[in-house]
């Protein structure tokens, strides 16, 4: 959003506040309890993130993830430890530099509103401040907060499909998962169109299920509550 409303600010951020970083396999990016001073954008490779002191199984962190955005908006201490599983390339954004440039921005009011939404949502979505992690807030969730901050609550509330997608997918929705789902669907469709007895039976069974679904959807909802809804 800043790129369209204030491109000069984005230009300064890219040249003054951002830098590249490379990690070897096994190298640690940050550890639990350390003060967060940078937001990270993963570009390639794979890492493992463990909450707290690392008693749980690490969560895989692949390319195109946002990590530790909280340090831009609040006083942030890392909620876990992130280490590289393979050679990794990242871009990092200095929180101090970002905050310096943000205070001079003509969008300062919208940025402050976004910071408020971020601090509120990260706790609410995580079901308590003790469950907050450095991985919270991937693209779809952040896009919703940006829309609310820059366009107003009315604009966000007027888009029920967007809110339904957020409710369905939570904060784990990513472009990678969307592409994978589309790829799996396309592959299944291709296989169904292939010749053979098995695929013919699958197509027939699919038509039967579709027809049954249409019959069920045509019945009034009251027909399924002959004895009333459960108490």
C-alpha atoms as a PDB file:
ATOM      1  CA  UNK A   1       0.000   0.000   0.000  1.00  0.00           C
ATOM      2  CA  UNK A   2       2.853   2.398   0.762  1.00  0.00           C
ATOM      3  CA  UNK A   3       4.286   1.636  -2.670  1.00  0.00           C
ATOM      4  CA  UNK A   4       1.233   3.218  -4.302  1.00  0.00           C
ATOM      5  CA  UNK A   5       0.611   6.042  -1.814  1.00  0.00           C
ATOM      6  CA  UNK A   6       4.171   7.030  -0.933  1.00  0.00           C
ATOM      7  CA  UNK A   7       6.703   5.417  -3.300  1.00  0.00           C
ATOM      8  CA  UNK A   8       9.522   7.701  -2.114  1.00  0.00           C
ATOM      9  CA  UNK A   9       9.248   6.212   1.377  1.00  0.00           C
ATOM     10  CA  UNK A  10       9.425   2.668   0.013  1.00  0.00           C
ATOM     11  CA  UNK A  11      12.481   3.645  -2.041  1.00  0.00           C
ATOM     12  CA  UNK A  12      14.260   4.971   1.069  1.00  0.00           C
ATOM     13  CA  UNK A  13      13.324   1.893   3.082  1.00  0.00           C
ATOM     14  CA  UNK A  14      14.693  -0.452   0.424  1.00  0.00           C
ATOM     15  CA  UNK A  15      17.996   1.424   0.169  1.00  0.00           C
ATOM     16  CA  UNK A  16      18.532   2.453   3.801  1.00  0.00           C
ATOM     17  CA  UNK A  17      16.662   0.012   6.038  1.00  0.00           C
ATOM     18  CA  UNK A  18      16.849  -3.331   4.214  1.00  0.00           C
ATOM     19  CA  UNK A  19      19.724  -5.718   3.683  1.00  0.00           C
ATOM     20  CA  UNK A  20      20.360  -9.302   2.632  1.00  0.00           C
ATOM     21  CA  UNK A  21      21.453 -12.085   4.924  1.00  0.00           C
ATOM     22  CA  UNK A  22      22.611 -15.633   4.252  1.00  0.00           C
ATOM     23  CA  UNK A  23      22.634 -18.551   6.685  1.00  0.00           C
ATOM     24  CA  UNK A  24      24.442 -21.871   6.571  1.00  0.00           C
ATOM     25  CA  UNK A  25      22.672 -25.089   7.520  1.00  0.00           C
ATOM     26  CA  UNK A  26      22.479 -25.245  11.307  1.00  0.00           C
ATOM     27  CA  UNK A  27      23.148 -21.524  11.792  1.00  0.00           C
ATOM     28  CA  UNK A  28      20.868 -19.704  14.226  1.00  0.00           C
ATOM     29  CA  UNK A  29      19.006 -16.565  13.141  1.00  0.00           C
ATOM     30  CA  UNK A  30      17.609 -15.622  16.561  1.00  0.00           C
ATOM     31  CA  UNK A  31      16.834 -17.304  19.848  1.00  0.00           C
ATOM     32  CA  UNK A  32      14.046 -17.249  22.408  1.00  0.00           C
ATOM     33  CA  UNK A  33      13.988 -14.187  24.672  1.00  0.00           C
ATOM     34  CA  UNK A  34      16.385 -12.047  22.614  1.00  0.00           C
ATOM     35  CA  UNK A  35      15.251  -8.531  21.738  1.00  0.00           C
ATOM     36  CA  UNK A  36      13.788  -8.355  18.227  1.00  0.00           C
ATOM     37  CA  UNK A  37      15.332  -5.621  16.101  1.00  0.00           C
ATOM     38  CA  UNK A  38      14.643  -6.874  12.552  1.00  0.00           C
ATOM     39  CA  UNK A  39      11.801  -8.266  10.506  1.00  0.00           C
ATOM     40  CA  UNK A  40      12.751 -11.060   8.123  1.00  0.00           C
ATOM     41  CA  UNK A  41      11.499 -12.087   4.693  1.00  0.00           C
ATOM     42  CA  UNK A  42      12.564 -15.604   3.739  1.00  0.00           C
ATOM     43  CA  UNK A  43      13.577 -15.911   0.084  1.00  0.00           C
ATOM     44  CA  UNK A  44      15.037 -19.406  -0.303  1.00  0.00           C
ATOM     45  CA  UNK A  45      15.996 -22.422   1.738  1.00  0.00           C
ATOM     46  CA  UNK A  46      14.259 -23.955   4.750  1.00  0.00           C
ATOM     47  CA  UNK A  47      14.426 -23.228   8.458  1.00  0.00           C
ATOM     48  CA  UNK A  48      13.001 -24.683  11.646  1.00  0.00           C
ATOM     49  CA  UNK A  49      11.195 -22.597  14.271  1.00  0.00           C
ATOM     50  CA  UNK A  50      10.630 -23.848  17.812  1.00  0.00           C
ATOM     51  CA  UNK A  51       8.489 -22.058  20.359  1.00  0.00           C
ATOM     52  CA  UNK A  52      10.064 -21.204  23.701  1.00  0.00           C
ATOM     53  CA  UNK A  53      13.137 -23.230  24.575  1.00  0.00           C
ATOM     54  CA  UNK A  54      12.525 -25.753  21.821  1.00  0.00           C
ATOM     55  CA  UNK A  55      10.688 -28.627  23.480  1.00  0.00           C
ATOM     56  CA  UNK A  56       8.212 -28.992  20.592  1.00  0.00           C
ATOM     57  CA  UNK A  57       8.795 -30.281  17.075  1.00  0.00           C
ATOM     58  CA  UNK A  58      10.147 -27.415  14.923  1.00  0.00           C
ATOM     59  CA  UNK A  59       7.769 -25.716  12.505  1.00  0.00           C
ATOM     60  CA  UNK A  60       9.137 -25.618   8.976  1.00  0.00           C
ATOM     61  CA  UNK A  61       9.718 -22.113   7.599  1.00  0.00           C
ATOM     62  CA  UNK A  62      10.000 -22.083   3.830  1.00  0.00           C
ATOM     63  CA  UNK A  63      10.434 -19.326   1.257  1.00  0.00           C
ATOM     64  CA  UNK A  64       8.225 -16.221   1.110  1.00  0.00           C
ATOM     65  CA  UNK A  65       7.384 -16.134   4.809  1.00  0.00           C
ATOM     66  CA  UNK A  66       7.167 -13.107   7.098  1.00  0.00           C
ATOM     67  CA  UNK A  67       8.984 -13.476  10.417  1.00  0.00           C
ATOM     68  CA  UNK A  68       8.986 -11.210  13.490  1.00  0.00           C
ATOM     69  CA  UNK A  69       6.941  -8.355  12.066  1.00  0.00           C
ATOM     70  CA  UNK A  70       5.993  -7.468  15.630  1.00  0.00           C
ATOM     71  CA  UNK A  71       9.332  -5.728  16.207  1.00  0.00           C
ATOM     72  CA  UNK A  72       8.214  -2.952  13.824  1.00  0.00           C
ATOM     73  CA  UNK A  73       5.180  -2.024  15.916  1.00  0.00           C
ATOM     74  CA  UNK A  74       5.749  -3.037  19.556  1.00  0.00           C
ATOM     75  CA  UNK A  75       8.563  -3.795  21.978  1.00  0.00           C
ATOM     76  CA  UNK A  76       9.357  -7.296  20.812  1.00  0.00           C
ATOM     77  CA  UNK A  77      11.200 -10.226  22.324  1.00  0.00           C
ATOM     78  CA  UNK A  78      11.527 -13.334  20.177  1.00  0.00           C
ATOM     79  CA  UNK A  79       9.016 -15.982  21.152  1.00  0.00           C
ATOM     80  CA  UNK A  80      11.115 -18.882  19.928  1.00  0.00           C
ATOM     81  CA  UNK A  81      14.287 -19.911  18.115  1.00  0.00           C
ATOM     82  CA  UNK A  82      14.760 -20.012  14.353  1.00  0.00           C
ATOM     83  CA  UNK A  83      17.627 -21.962  12.807  1.00  0.00           C
ATOM     84  CA  UNK A  84      18.467 -22.801   9.215  1.00  0.00           C
ATOM     85  CA  UNK A  85      17.896 -26.412   8.121  1.00  0.00           C
ATOM     86  CA  UNK A  86      19.493 -25.743   4.732  1.00  0.00           C
ATOM     87  CA  UNK A  87      21.380 -22.823   3.244  1.00  0.00           C
ATOM     88  CA  UNK A  88      18.985 -19.866   3.423  1.00  0.00           C
ATOM     89  CA  UNK A  89      18.703 -16.415   1.903  1.00  0.00           C
ATOM     90  CA  UNK A  90      16.708 -13.729   3.675  1.00  0.00           C
ATOM     91  CA  UNK A  91      15.968 -10.035   3.466  1.00  0.00           C
ATOM     92  CA  UNK A  92      15.882  -8.171   6.754  1.00  0.00           C
ATOM     93  CA  UNK A  93      14.257  -4.865   7.638  1.00  0.00           C
ATOM     94  CA  UNK A  94      15.735  -2.814  10.479  1.00  0.00           C
ATOM     95  CA  UNK A  95      12.999  -1.882  12.954  1.00  0.00           C
ATOM     96  CA  UNK A  96      14.857   1.257  14.100  1.00  0.00           C
ATOM     97  CA  UNK A  97      15.322   2.536  10.550  1.00  0.00           C
ATOM     98  CA  UNK A  98      11.750   1.709   9.621  1.00  0.00           C
ATOM     99  CA  UNK A  99      10.375   3.584  12.630  1.00  0.00           C
ATOM    100  CA  UNK A 100      12.548   6.609  11.835  1.00  0.00           C
ATOM    101  CA  UNK A 101      11.231   6.802   8.274  1.00  0.00           C
ATOM    102  CA  UNK A 102       7.652   6.005   9.341  1.00  0.00           C
ATOM    103  CA  UNK A 103       7.491   9.005  11.693  1.00  0.00           C
ATOM    104  CA  UNK A 104       8.167  11.259   8.690  1.00  0.00           C
ATOM    105  CA  UNK A 105       5.583   9.587   6.490  1.00  0.00           C
ATOM    106  CA  UNK A 106       2.447  11.343   5.311  1.00  0.00           C
ATOM    107  CA  UNK A 107       0.664   8.055   6.074  1.00  0.00           C
ATOM    108  CA  UNK A 108       1.668   8.154   9.744  1.00  0.00           C
ATOM    109  CA  UNK A 109      -1.949   8.042  10.931  1.00  0.00           C
ATOM    110  CA  UNK A 110      -2.700   4.916   8.885  1.00  0.00           C
ATOM    111  CA  UNK A 111       0.528   3.301  10.087  1.00  0.00           C
ATOM    112  CA  UNK A 112      -0.404   3.994  13.695  1.00  0.00           C
ATOM    113  CA  UNK A 113      -3.848   2.495  13.083  1.00  0.00           C
ATOM    114  CA  UNK A 114      -2.255  -0.576  11.534  1.00  0.00           C
ATOM    115  CA  UNK A 115       0.096  -0.917  14.520  1.00  0.00           C
ATOM    116  CA  UNK A 116      -2.921  -0.850  16.840  1.00  0.00           C
ATOM    117  CA  UNK A 117      -4.736  -3.503  14.775  1.00  0.00           C
ATOM    118  CA  UNK A 118      -1.596  -5.653  14.639  1.00  0.00           C
ATOM    119  CA  UNK A 119      -0.989  -5.560  18.402  1.00  0.00           C
ATOM    120  CA  UNK A 120      -4.633  -6.349  19.082  1.00  0.00           C
ATOM    121  CA  UNK A 121      -5.012  -9.094  16.467  1.00  0.00           C
ATOM    122  CA  UNK A 122      -1.826 -10.999  17.260  1.00  0.00           C
ATOM    123  CA  UNK A 123      -2.991 -11.559  20.828  1.00  0.00           C
ATOM    124  CA  UNK A 124      -6.603 -12.311  19.896  1.00  0.00           C
ATOM    125  CA  UNK A 125      -5.759 -14.745  17.097  1.00  0.00           C
ATOM    126  CA  UNK A 126      -3.163 -16.511  19.257  1.00  0.00           C
ATOM    127  CA  UNK A 127      -5.683 -16.894  22.134  1.00  0.00           C
ATOM    128  CA  UNK A 128      -3.458 -15.085  24.619  1.00  0.00           C
ATOM    129  CA  UNK A 129      -0.169 -13.242  24.727  1.00  0.00           C
ATOM    130  CA  UNK A 130       1.629 -16.336  26.048  1.00  0.00           C
ATOM    131  CA  UNK A 131       0.882 -18.161  22.769  1.00  0.00           C
ATOM    132  CA  UNK A 132       2.133 -15.455  20.408  1.00  0.00           C
ATOM    133  CA  UNK A 133       4.920 -16.565  18.036  1.00  0.00           C
ATOM    134  CA  UNK A 134       7.304 -14.884  15.615  1.00  0.00           C
ATOM    135  CA  UNK A 135       5.484 -16.539  12.684  1.00  0.00           C
ATOM    136  CA  UNK A 136       2.091 -14.942  13.232  1.00  0.00           C
ATOM    137  CA  UNK A 137       0.696 -12.765  10.455  1.00  0.00           C
ATOM    138  CA  UNK A 138       1.155 -14.227   6.994  1.00  0.00           C
ATOM    139  CA  UNK A 139       0.053 -12.535   3.785  1.00  0.00           C
ATOM    140  CA  UNK A 140      -3.733 -12.904   3.837  1.00  0.00           C
ATOM    141  CA  UNK A 141      -4.085 -11.826   7.461  1.00  0.00           C
ATOM    142  CA  UNK A 142      -1.763  -8.865   6.967  1.00  0.00           C
ATOM    143  CA  UNK A 143      -3.624  -7.787   3.827  1.00  0.00           C
ATOM    144  CA  UNK A 144      -6.834  -7.701   5.858  1.00  0.00           C
ATOM    145  CA  UNK A 145      -5.240  -5.505   8.530  1.00  0.00           C
ATOM    146  CA  UNK A 146      -3.821  -3.171   5.873  1.00  0.00           C
ATOM    147  CA  UNK A 147      -7.249  -2.859   4.270  1.00  0.00           C
ATOM    148  CA  UNK A 148      -8.831  -1.988   7.617  1.00  0.00           C
ATOM    149  CA  UNK A 149      -6.139   0.544   8.494  1.00  0.00           C
ATOM    150  CA  UNK A 150      -5.980   2.338   5.145  1.00  0.00           C
ATOM    151  CA  UNK A 151      -9.556   1.938   3.854  1.00  0.00           C
ATOM    152  CA  UNK A 152     -11.526   1.828   7.090  1.00  0.00           C
ATOM    153  CA  UNK A 153     -13.539  -0.802   8.928  1.00  0.00           C
ATOM    154  CA  UNK A 154     -16.543  -0.232   6.650  1.00  0.00           C
ATOM    155  CA  UNK A 155     -14.576  -1.272   3.590  1.00  0.00           C
ATOM    156  CA  UNK A 156     -13.421  -4.522   5.208  1.00  0.00           C
ATOM    157  CA  UNK A 157     -16.872  -5.335   6.555  1.00  0.00           C
ATOM    158  CA  UNK A 158     -18.343  -4.863   3.072  1.00  0.00           C
ATOM    159  CA  UNK A 159     -16.338  -7.792   1.721  1.00  0.00           C
ATOM    160  CA  UNK A 160     -17.908 -10.959   3.232  1.00  0.00           C
ATOM    161  CA  UNK A 161     -16.038 -13.311   0.879  1.00  0.00           C
ATOM    162  CA  UNK A 162     -12.722 -11.926   2.099  1.00  0.00           C
ATOM    163  CA  UNK A 163     -13.732 -12.310   5.736  1.00  0.00           C
ATOM    164  CA  UNK A 164     -15.006 -15.845   5.134  1.00  0.00           C
ATOM    165  CA  UNK A 165     -11.664 -16.828   3.605  1.00  0.00           C
ATOM    166  CA  UNK A 166      -9.879 -15.422   6.632  1.00  0.00           C
ATOM    167  CA  UNK A 167     -12.188 -17.314   8.967  1.00  0.00           C
ATOM    168  CA  UNK A 168     -11.690 -20.548   7.027  1.00  0.00           C
ATOM    169  CA  UNK A 169      -7.927 -20.388   6.571  1.00  0.00           C
ATOM    170  CA  UNK A 170      -6.773 -18.467   9.665  1.00  0.00           C
ATOM    171  CA  UNK A 171      -3.201 -17.219   9.605  1.00  0.00           C
ATOM    172  CA  UNK A 172      -1.739 -20.217   7.776  1.00  0.00           C
ATOM    173  CA  UNK A 173      -3.069 -19.319   4.345  1.00  0.00           C
ATOM    174  CA  UNK A 174      -0.276 -18.656   1.860  1.00  0.00           C
ATOM    175  CA  UNK A 175       0.088 -18.295  -1.869  1.00  0.00           C
ATOM    176  CA  UNK A 176       2.109 -21.525  -1.868  1.00  0.00           C
ATOM    177  CA  UNK A 177      -0.774 -23.502  -0.340  1.00  0.00           C
ATOM    178  CA  UNK A 178      -3.221 -21.940  -2.793  1.00  0.00           C
ATOM    179  CA  UNK A 179      -0.994 -22.953  -5.706  1.00  0.00           C
ATOM    180  CA  UNK A 180      -0.565 -26.473  -4.328  1.00  0.00           C
ATOM    181  CA  UNK A 181      -4.344 -26.866  -3.958  1.00  0.00           C
ATOM    182  CA  UNK A 182      -4.871 -25.636  -7.514  1.00  0.00           C
ATOM    183  CA  UNK A 183      -2.144 -27.987  -8.804  1.00  0.00           C
ATOM    184  CA  UNK A 184      -3.670 -31.004  -7.033  1.00  0.00           C
ATOM    185  CA  UNK A 185      -7.108 -30.152  -8.409  1.00  0.00           C
ATOM    186  CA  UNK A 186      -5.762 -29.725 -11.950  1.00  0.00           C
ATOM    187  CA  UNK A 187      -3.927 -33.057 -11.742  1.00  0.00           C
ATOM    188  CA  UNK A 188      -7.060 -34.823 -10.485  1.00  0.00           C
ATOM    189  CA  UNK A 189      -9.086 -33.323 -13.327  1.00  0.00           C
ATOM    190  CA  UNK A 190      -6.492 -34.426 -15.875  1.00  0.00           C
ATOM    191  CA  UNK A 191      -6.532 -37.978 -14.564  1.00  0.00           C
ATOM    192  CA  UNK A 192     -10.327 -38.121 -14.651  1.00  0.00           C
ATOM    193  CA  UNK A 193     -10.283 -37.195 -18.341  1.00  0.00           C
ATOM    194  CA  UNK A 194      -7.816 -39.970 -19.164  1.00  0.00           C
ATOM    195  CA  UNK A 195      -9.197 -43.103 -20.861  1.00  0.00           C
ATOM    196  CA  UNK A 196      -9.676 -46.339 -18.963  1.00  0.00           C
ATOM    197  CA  UNK A 197     -12.318 -48.277 -17.035  1.00  0.00           C
ATOM    198  CA  UNK A 198     -11.270 -46.926 -13.616  1.00  0.00           C
ATOM    199  CA  UNK A 199     -11.487 -43.306 -14.722  1.00  0.00           C
ATOM    200  CA  UNK A 200     -14.854 -43.968 -16.398  1.00  0.00           C
ATOM    201  CA  UNK A 201     -16.207 -45.366 -13.108  1.00  0.00           C
ATOM    202  CA  UNK A 202     -14.809 -42.385 -11.226  1.00  0.00           C
ATOM    203  CA  UNK A 203     -16.549 -39.983 -13.594  1.00  0.00           C
ATOM    204  CA  UNK A 204     -19.819 -41.886 -13.200  1.00  0.00           C
ATOM    205  CA  UNK A 205     -19.534 -41.888  -9.392  1.00  0.00           C
ATOM    206  CA  UNK A 206     -18.774 -38.156  -9.461  1.00  0.00           C
ATOM    207  CA  UNK A 207     -21.958 -37.474 -11.462  1.00  0.00           C
ATOM    208  CA  UNK A 208     -24.003 -39.574  -9.004  1.00  0.00           C
ATOM    209  CA  UNK A 209     -22.633 -37.599  -6.031  1.00  0.00           C
ATOM    210  CA  UNK A 210     -23.254 -34.305  -7.798  1.00  0.00           C
ATOM    211  CA  UNK A 211     -26.842 -35.294  -8.591  1.00  0.00           C
ATOM    212  CA  UNK A 212     -27.425 -36.411  -4.990  1.00  0.00           C
ATOM    213  CA  UNK A 213     -26.009 -33.119  -3.728  1.00  0.00           C
ATOM    214  CA  UNK A 214     -28.414 -31.175  -5.943  1.00  0.00           C
ATOM    215  CA  UNK A 215     -31.374 -33.182  -4.601  1.00  0.00           C
ATOM    216  CA  UNK A 216     -30.328 -32.581  -0.991  1.00  0.00           C
ATOM    217  CA  UNK A 217     -29.747 -28.857  -1.504  1.00  0.00           C
ATOM    218  CA  UNK A 218     -33.210 -28.508  -3.041  1.00  0.00           C
ATOM    219  CA  UNK A 219     -34.952 -29.674   0.159  1.00  0.00           C
ATOM    220  CA  UNK A 220     -35.956 -26.996   2.676  1.00  0.00           C
ATOM    221  CA  UNK A 221     -33.850 -26.811   5.808  1.00  0.00           C
ATOM    222  CA  UNK A 222     -36.886 -27.475   7.966  1.00  0.00           C
ATOM    223  CA  UNK A 223     -37.181 -30.968   6.477  1.00  0.00           C
ATOM    224  CA  UNK A 224     -34.052 -32.036   8.350  1.00  0.00           C
ATOM    225  CA  UNK A 225     -35.365 -30.909  11.762  1.00  0.00           C
ATOM    226  CA  UNK A 226     -38.487 -33.015  12.093  1.00  0.00           C
ATOM    227  CA  UNK A 227     -37.813 -33.428  15.817  1.00  0.00           C
ATOM    228  CA  UNK A 228     -36.498 -29.890  16.285  1.00  0.00           C
ATOM    229  CA  UNK A 229     -32.934 -28.707  16.661  1.00  0.00           C
ATOM    230  CA  UNK A 230     -30.793 -30.248  19.401  1.00  0.00           C
ATOM    231  CA  UNK A 231     -31.178 -28.688  22.827  1.00  0.00           C
END
